[in-house]
Amino acid sequence: MFRATTMLLLAGLAPLLTACGGEEPAPNAFEAQTEAVDKATDAVRQLEDAAAAQRAAIDRQSQ
């Protein structure tokens, strides 16, 4: 009984103790991921532009 009460008490206090940390959270915790997605979006845009330019060049040569 004592062990169960102790475990229940610790389980109840754990969130309270971890919530009192002194560190401020980062303003954007996903900044690295956001930058990676932005870079990937830019790369896709560049590939699409290059493909469109290549198709246009092929169309000009075939006329």
Foldseek 3Di string as FASTA:
>chain_A
DVVVVVVVVCVVCVVVVVVPDPDDDDPDPCVVVVVVVVVVVVVVVVVVVVVVVVVVVVVVVVD
